[in-house]
C-alpha atoms as a PDB file:
ATOM      1  CA  MET A   1       7.392   6.065  46.201  1.00  0.00           C
ATOM      2  CA  PRO A   2       7.216   6.929  42.701  1.00  0.00           C
ATOM      3  CA  LYS A   3       5.139   4.104  40.383  1.00  0.00           C
ATOM      4  CA  VAL A   4       7.140   1.729  38.311  1.00  0.00           C
ATOM      5  CA  VAL A   5       5.748   1.737  34.926  1.00  0.00           C
ATOM      6  CA  ASP A   6       6.675  -1.709  32.930  1.00  0.00           C
ATOM      7  CA  HIS A   7       6.647   0.260  29.203  1.00  0.00           C
ATOM      8  CA  GLU A   8       6.847  -2.948  27.461  1.00  0.00           C
ATOM      9  CA  GLN A   9       3.424  -4.226  29.103  1.00  0.00           C
ATOM     10  CA  ARG A  10       2.164  -0.889  28.817  1.00  0.00           C
ATOM     11  CA  ARG A  11       2.829  -0.954  24.900  1.00  0.00           C
ATOM     12  CA  GLU A  12       1.308  -4.266  24.621  1.00  0.00           C
ATOM     13  CA  GLU A  13      -2.179  -2.805  26.315  1.00  0.00           C
ATOM     14  CA  LEU A  14      -2.021   0.219  23.765  1.00  0.00           C
ATOM     15  CA  VAL A  15      -1.438  -2.083  20.817  1.00  0.00           C
ATOM     16  CA  ARG A  16      -4.573  -3.696  21.363  1.00  0.00           C
ATOM     17  CA  VAL A  17      -6.588  -0.550  22.056  1.00  0.00           C
ATOM     18  CA  VAL A  18      -5.081   0.843  18.635  1.00  0.00           C
ATOM     19  CA  TRP A  19      -6.023  -2.718  17.171  1.00  0.00           C
ATOM     20  CA  GLU A  20      -9.548  -2.458  18.444  1.00  0.00           C
ATOM     21  CA  ILE A  21     -10.250   1.176  17.778  1.00  0.00           C
ATOM     22  CA  ILE A  22      -8.656   0.610  13.711  1.00  0.00           C
ATOM     23  CA  SER A  23     -10.791  -2.722  13.673  1.00  0.00           C
ATOM     24  CA  ARG A  24     -14.494  -1.270  14.601  1.00  0.00           C
ATOM     25  CA  GLU A  25     -13.841   2.605  13.392  1.00  0.00           C
ATOM     26  CA  GLY A  26     -11.377   2.807  10.762  1.00  0.00           C
ATOM     27  CA  ILE A  27      -8.349   4.586  10.641  1.00  0.00           C
ATOM     28  CA  GLU A  28     -10.437   7.940  10.631  1.00  0.00           C
ATOM     29  CA  GLY A  29     -11.750   6.768  14.424  1.00  0.00           C
ATOM     30  CA  ALA A  30      -7.788   5.927  15.734  1.00  0.00           C
ATOM     31  CA  THR A  31      -7.216   9.861  17.109  1.00  0.00           C
ATOM     32  CA  VAL A  32      -4.878   9.879  19.763  1.00  0.00           C
ATOM     33  CA  ARG A  33      -7.483  11.393  21.770  1.00  0.00           C
ATOM     34  CA  ARG A  34      -9.737   8.458  21.159  1.00  0.00           C
ATOM     35  CA  VAL A  35      -6.907   6.065  22.414  1.00  0.00           C
ATOM     36  CA  ALA A  36      -5.978   7.680  25.212  1.00  0.00           C
ATOM     37  CA  GLU A  37      -9.848   8.031  26.287  1.00  0.00           C
ATOM     38  CA  ALA A  38      -9.733   3.935  25.641  1.00  0.00           C
ATOM     39  CA  ALA A  39      -6.854   3.037  27.417  1.00  0.00           C
ATOM     40  CA  GLY A  40      -7.644   5.456  30.282  1.00  0.00           C
ATOM     41  CA  ILE A  41      -4.736   7.321  30.446  1.00  0.00           C
ATOM     42  CA  SER A  42      -4.025  11.210  29.198  1.00  0.00           C
ATOM     43  CA  VAL A  43      -3.126  12.224  26.089  1.00  0.00           C
ATOM     44  CA  GLY A  44       0.264  13.468  27.418  1.00  0.00           C
ATOM     45  CA  GLY A  45       0.762  10.122  28.740  1.00  0.00           C
ATOM     46  CA  LEU A  46       0.737   8.485  25.357  1.00  0.00           C
ATOM     47  CA  ARG A  47       3.865  10.779  24.159  1.00  0.00           C
ATOM     48  CA  HIS A  48       6.308   8.387  24.641  1.00  0.00           C
ATOM     49  CA  TYR A  49       4.834   5.813  22.359  1.00  0.00           C
ATOM     50  CA  PHE A  50       3.328   8.072  19.750  1.00  0.00           C
ATOM     51  CA  ASP A  51       2.393  11.907  19.749  1.00  0.00           C
ATOM     52  CA  ASN A  52       0.178  12.154  16.248  1.00  0.00           C
ATOM     53  CA  GLN A  53      -2.250   9.844  14.560  1.00  0.00           C
ATOM     54  CA  ARG A  54       0.979   9.524  11.676  1.00  0.00           C
ATOM     55  CA  GLY A  55       2.533   7.944  14.616  1.00  0.00           C
ATOM     56  CA  LEU A  56      -0.241   6.115  15.767  1.00  0.00           C
ATOM     57  CA  LEU A  57      -0.589   3.998  12.663  1.00  0.00           C
ATOM     58  CA  SER A  58       2.841   3.546  12.175  1.00  0.00           C
ATOM     59  CA  PHE A  59       2.675   1.814  16.018  1.00  0.00           C
ATOM     60  CA  ALA A  60      -0.094  -0.051  14.929  1.00  0.00           C
ATOM     61  CA  ALA A  61       1.282  -1.315  11.928  1.00  0.00           C
ATOM     62  CA  GLU A  62       4.955  -2.190  13.113  1.00  0.00           C
ATOM     63  CA  ALA A  63       2.991  -4.002  15.881  1.00  0.00           C
ATOM     64  CA  VAL A  64       0.987  -6.143  13.719  1.00  0.00           C
ATOM     65  CA  ALA A  65       4.482  -7.313  11.928  1.00  0.00           C
ATOM     66  CA  ARG A  66       6.123  -7.851  15.281  1.00  0.00           C
ATOM     67  CA  SER A  67       3.323 -10.220  15.804  1.00  0.00           C
ATOM     68  CA  VAL A  68       3.150 -12.279  12.592  1.00  0.00           C
ATOM     69  CA  THR A  69       6.747 -12.460  13.241  1.00  0.00           C
ATOM     70  CA  LYS A  70       6.644 -13.998  16.441  1.00  0.00           C
ATOM     71  CA  ARG A  71       4.366 -16.587  15.518  1.00  0.00           C
ATOM     72  CA  ILE A  72       5.983 -17.356  12.240  1.00  0.00           C
ATOM     73  CA  THR A  73       9.186 -17.644  14.029  1.00  0.00           C
ATOM     74  CA  GLY A  74       7.639 -20.379  16.473  1.00  0.00           C
ATOM     75  CA  HIS A  75       6.843 -22.296  13.520  1.00  0.00           C
ATOM     76  CA  LEU A  76      10.313 -21.946  12.267  1.00  0.00           C
ATOM     77  CA  ASP A  77      11.738 -23.308  15.394  1.00  0.00           C
ATOM     78  CA  ALA A  78       9.412 -26.430  15.569  1.00  0.00           C
ATOM     79  CA  GLU A  79       9.832 -30.088  14.396  1.00  0.00           C
ATOM     80  CA  LEU A  80       7.511 -29.722  11.328  1.00  0.00           C
ATOM     81  CA  PRO A  81       7.000 -31.598   7.972  1.00  0.00           C
ATOM     82  CA  GLY A  82       7.656 -29.381   5.488  1.00  0.00           C
ATOM     83  CA  MET A  83       4.530 -29.208   4.030  1.00  0.00           C
ATOM     84  CA  ARG A  84       3.081 -28.492   7.213  1.00  0.00           C
ATOM     85  CA  ARG A  85       4.911 -26.044   7.988  1.00  0.00           C
ATOM     86  CA  ALA A  86       4.348 -23.849   5.007  1.00  0.00           C
ATOM     87  CA  GLN A  87       0.794 -24.285   5.512  1.00  0.00           C
ATOM     88  CA  LEU A  88       1.129 -22.744   9.011  1.00  0.00           C
ATOM     89  CA  ILE A  89       3.214 -19.872   8.337  1.00  0.00           C
ATOM     90  CA  LEU A  90       1.004 -18.616   5.511  1.00  0.00           C
ATOM     91  CA  GLU A  91      -2.128 -19.458   7.687  1.00  0.00           C
ATOM     92  CA  GLU A  92      -0.471 -16.496   9.960  1.00  0.00           C
ATOM     93  CA  MET A  93      -1.314 -13.862   7.563  1.00  0.00           C
ATOM     94  CA  LEU A  94      -4.644 -14.881   7.283  1.00  0.00           C
ATOM     95  CA  PRO A  95      -7.952 -13.827   9.530  1.00  0.00           C
ATOM     96  CA  LEU A  96      -8.385 -17.129  10.854  1.00  0.00           C
ATOM     97  CA  ASP A  97      -9.380 -16.001  14.446  1.00  0.00           C
ATOM     98  CA  ASP A  98     -10.264 -13.142  16.174  1.00  0.00           C
ATOM     99  CA  ASP A  99      -7.039 -11.700  17.177  1.00  0.00           C
ATOM    100  CA  ARG A 100      -5.735 -12.398  13.219  1.00  0.00           C
ATOM    101  CA  ARG A 101      -8.668 -11.007  11.948  1.00  0.00           C
ATOM    102  CA  VAL A 102      -8.088  -7.480  13.835  1.00  0.00           C
ATOM    103  CA  GLU A 103      -4.607  -7.882  12.719  1.00  0.00           C
ATOM    104  CA  VAL A 104      -5.382  -8.086   8.932  1.00  0.00           C
ATOM    105  CA  ASP A 105      -8.211  -5.383   9.803  1.00  0.00           C
ATOM    106  CA  VAL A 106      -5.295  -3.066  10.973  1.00  0.00           C
ATOM    107  CA  TRP A 107      -3.082  -4.073   8.409  1.00  0.00           C
ATOM    108  CA  LEU A 108      -5.409  -3.458   5.329  1.00  0.00           C
ATOM    109  CA  ALA A 109      -6.232  -0.015   6.814  1.00  0.00           C
ATOM    110  CA  CYS A 110      -2.714   1.056   7.369  1.00  0.00           C
ATOM    111  CA  LEU A 111      -1.891  -0.017   3.263  1.00  0.00           C
ATOM    112  CA  VAL A 112      -4.580   1.753   1.834  1.00  0.00           C
ATOM    113  CA  ARG A 113      -3.579   5.172   4.058  1.00  0.00           C
ATOM    114  CA  SER A 114       0.217   4.664   2.885  1.00  0.00           C
ATOM    115  CA  ARG A 115      -0.823   5.215  -0.328  1.00  0.00           C
ATOM    116  CA  MET A 116      -1.425   8.610   0.535  1.00  0.00           C
ATOM    117  CA  ASP A 117       0.831   9.329   3.056  1.00  0.00           C
ATOM    118  CA  GLU A 118       4.435   8.888   1.761  1.00  0.00           C
ATOM    119  CA  SER A 119       5.650   8.838   5.545  1.00  0.00           C
ATOM    120  CA  MET A 120       4.083   5.330   5.647  1.00  0.00           C
ATOM    121  CA  ALA A 121       5.576   4.254   1.899  1.00  0.00           C
ATOM    122  CA  GLU A 122       8.532   2.291   3.692  1.00  0.00           C
ATOM    123  CA  GLN A 123       6.322   0.300   5.905  1.00  0.00           C
ATOM    124  CA  ARG A 124       4.475  -0.584   2.349  1.00  0.00           C
ATOM    125  CA  ARG A 125       7.373  -1.945   1.196  1.00  0.00           C
ATOM    126  CA  ALA A 126       8.768  -3.662   3.663  1.00  0.00           C
ATOM    127  CA  GLY A 127       5.393  -5.258   4.312  1.00  0.00           C
ATOM    128  CA  TRP A 128       5.412  -6.275   0.373  1.00  0.00           C
ATOM    129  CA  ALA A 129       9.308  -7.269   1.069  1.00  0.00           C
ATOM    130  CA  GLY A 130       8.161  -9.623   4.155  1.00  0.00           C
ATOM    131  CA  GLU A 131       5.072 -10.911   2.250  1.00  0.00           C
ATOM    132  CA  ARG A 132       7.136 -12.347  -0.316  1.00  0.00           C
ATOM    133  CA  HIS A 133      10.316 -13.894   1.823  1.00  0.00           C
ATOM    134  CA  ILE A 134       7.187 -15.642   3.763  1.00  0.00           C
ATOM    135  CA  CYS A 135       6.045 -17.109   0.153  1.00  0.00           C
ATOM    136  CA  ARG A 136       9.471 -18.186  -0.598  1.00  0.00           C
ATOM    137  CA  LEU A 137       9.793 -19.624   2.977  1.00  0.00           C
ATOM    138  CA  ALA A 138       6.886 -21.867   2.035  1.00  0.00           C
ATOM    139  CA  VAL A 139       7.732 -22.947  -1.541  1.00  0.00           C
ATOM    140  CA  ALA A 140      11.191 -24.113  -0.188  1.00  0.00           C
ATOM    141  CA  PHE A 141       9.433 -26.017   2.751  1.00  0.00           C
ATOM    142  CA  ARG A 142       7.290 -27.368  -0.119  1.00  0.00           C
ATOM    143  CA  HIS A 143      10.183 -28.687  -1.816  1.00  0.00           C
ATOM    144  CA  GLY A 144      12.846 -29.563   1.240  1.00  0.00           C
ATOM    145  CA  LEU A 145      14.602 -26.910  -0.804  1.00  0.00           C
ATOM    146  CA  PRO A 146      17.168 -24.589   1.701  1.00  0.00           C
ATOM    147  CA  LEU A 147      15.283 -21.523   3.297  1.00  0.00           C
ATOM    148  CA  PRO A 148      16.195 -18.103   1.419  1.00  0.00           C
ATOM    149  CA  THR A 149      17.984 -16.639   4.657  1.00  0.00           C
ATOM    150  CA  ARG A 150      17.087 -13.114   4.164  1.00  0.00           C
ATOM    151  CA  ILE A 151      14.649 -10.908   2.802  1.00  0.00           C
ATOM    152  CA  GLY A 152      14.676  -9.937  -0.461  1.00  0.00           C
ATOM    153  CA  GLN A 153      17.059 -13.082  -0.986  1.00  0.00           C
ATOM    154  CA  GLU A 154      15.618 -14.675  -4.348  1.00  0.00           C
ATOM    155  CA  PHE A 155      15.933 -18.689  -5.474  1.00  0.00           C
ATOM    156  CA  GLY A 156      18.360 -18.925  -8.311  1.00  0.00           C
ATOM    157  CA  ASP A 157      15.825 -20.710 -10.078  1.00  0.00           C
ATOM    158  CA  ALA A 158      13.240 -18.776 -12.279  1.00  0.00           C
ATOM    159  CA  GLY A 159      10.815 -21.159 -11.744  1.00  0.00           C
ATOM    160  CA  LEU A 160      10.921 -21.164  -8.083  1.00  0.00           C
ATOM    161  CA  GLU A 161      10.658 -17.375  -7.987  1.00  0.00           C
ATOM    162  CA  GLY A 162       7.486 -17.821 -10.396  1.00  0.00           C
ATOM    163  CA  GLN A 163       5.844 -20.245  -7.827  1.00  0.00           C
ATOM    164  CA  ALA A 164       6.664 -17.587  -4.601  1.00  0.00           C
ATOM    165  CA  MET A 165       5.146 -15.018  -6.724  1.00  0.00           C
ATOM    166  CA  ARG A 166       2.175 -16.394  -7.670  1.00  0.00           C
ATOM    167  CA  LEU A 167       1.727 -17.955  -3.989  1.00  0.00           C
ATOM    168  CA  HIS A 168       1.981 -14.117  -2.607  1.00  0.00           C
ATOM    169  CA  VAL A 169      -0.429 -12.979  -5.181  1.00  0.00           C
ATOM    170  CA  PHE A 170      -2.953 -16.044  -4.245  1.00  0.00           C
ATOM    171  CA  MET A 171      -2.492 -15.003  -0.684  1.00  0.00           C
ATOM    172  CA  ASP A 172      -3.095 -11.505  -0.963  1.00  0.00           C
ATOM    173  CA  GLY A 173      -6.162 -12.171  -2.666  1.00  0.00           C
ATOM    174  CA  LEU A 174      -7.354 -14.786  -0.328  1.00  0.00           C
ATOM    175  CA  THR A 175      -6.321 -12.335   2.526  1.00  0.00           C
ATOM    176  CA  LEU A 176      -8.732  -9.668   0.994  1.00  0.00           C
ATOM    177  CA  GLN A 177     -11.703 -11.840   0.210  1.00  0.00           C
ATOM    178  CA  THR A 178     -12.099 -13.333   3.903  1.00  0.00           C
ATOM    179  CA  ALA A 179     -11.475  -9.862   5.621  1.00  0.00           C
ATOM    180  CA  ALA A 180     -13.823  -8.361   3.518  1.00  0.00           C
ATOM    181  CA  TYR A 181     -16.653 -11.152   3.215  1.00  0.00           C
ATOM    182  CA  PRO A 182     -15.882 -12.987   6.166  1.00  0.00           C
ATOM    183  CA  ASP A 183     -19.344 -14.910   6.216  1.00  0.00           C
ATOM    184  CA  ASN A 184     -18.271 -16.467   2.817  1.00  0.00           C
ATOM    185  CA  PHE A 185     -15.393 -18.343   3.979  1.00  0.00           C
ATOM    186  CA  THR A 186     -15.164 -21.015   7.245  1.00  0.00           C
ATOM    187  CA  PRO A 187     -11.452 -21.175   8.521  1.00  0.00           C
ATOM    188  CA  GLN A 188     -11.627 -25.082   7.663  1.00  0.00           C
ATOM    189  CA  ALA A 189     -12.407 -23.758   4.011  1.00  0.00           C
ATOM    190  CA  VAL A 190      -9.839 -21.380   4.087  1.00  0.00           C
ATOM    191  CA  ARG A 191      -7.429 -23.497   5.281  1.00  0.00           C
ATOM    192  CA  ARG A 192      -8.283 -26.144   2.163  1.00  0.00           C
ATOM    193  CA  MET A 193      -7.860 -23.428  -0.256  1.00  0.00           C
ATOM    194  CA  VAL A 194      -3.890 -23.265   0.929  1.00  0.00           C
ATOM    195  CA  HIS A 195      -3.439 -26.341   0.894  1.00  0.00           C
ATOM    196  CA  GLU A 196      -4.641 -27.134  -2.408  1.00  0.00           C
ATOM    197  CA  GLU A 197      -2.912 -24.075  -3.567  1.00  0.00           C
ATOM    198  CA  LEU A 198       0.419 -25.194  -2.113  1.00  0.00           C
ATOM    199  CA  CYS A 199      -0.113 -28.909  -3.800  1.00  0.00           C
ATOM    200  CA  ARG A 200      -0.707 -27.157  -7.025  1.00  0.00           C
ATOM    201  CA  LEU A 201       3.022 -25.831  -6.967  1.00  0.00           C
ATOM    202  CA  GLY A 202       3.767 -29.071  -8.135  1.00  0.00           C
ATOM    203  CA  GLU A 203       8.093 -30.056  -8.713  1.00  0.00           C
ATOM    204  CA  PRO A 204      10.599 -27.191  -9.307  1.00  0.00           C
ATOM    205  CA  SER A 205      11.513 -29.394 -12.795  1.00  0.00           C
ATOM    206  CA  ALA A 206       8.136 -28.967 -14.047  1.00  0.00           C
ATOM    207  CA  GLU A 207       8.482 -24.940 -14.131  1.00  0.00           C
END
């Protein structure tokens, strides 16, 4: 009887293999052959998911986006105070534990590659828009305002848009710093910095 393959489970297994290789060895080490070897399957067995390194990198980046989105959705569905919810959704973009550190390593590596590989340009643009949307959500939660319902939806207020922009820049800088210099930051210190930045946003009328 032919073996039934659970493609969703296999996809998740491959995601972990690809992420770990990129995190340890960089993008250049993440070849189709290397992934097949680490996953214990044939190169031909990977054709269902990707057939070259470009497809492999897209596969890895899309998986990061799905993982972060799933966790953030959990916070959006939970009953939490606005400030706490803002804190938690921002933390999902930071390397605060081993799993998120690998995700950030993968995302930054793919982001750098996308500057040279036009086939990944749309992922770069979508990533930026997604991050800005998360920052807009955090600003809305911080002030108890209605949430933007779609990616790309701006506040009808220049001051609030300015807060989202500055928060986005802060988060990008913090992500890069904590990923590049992990020994300089404890998770507690990073969480405190995020909280302090949210507190600095002030009230909408102050903008």
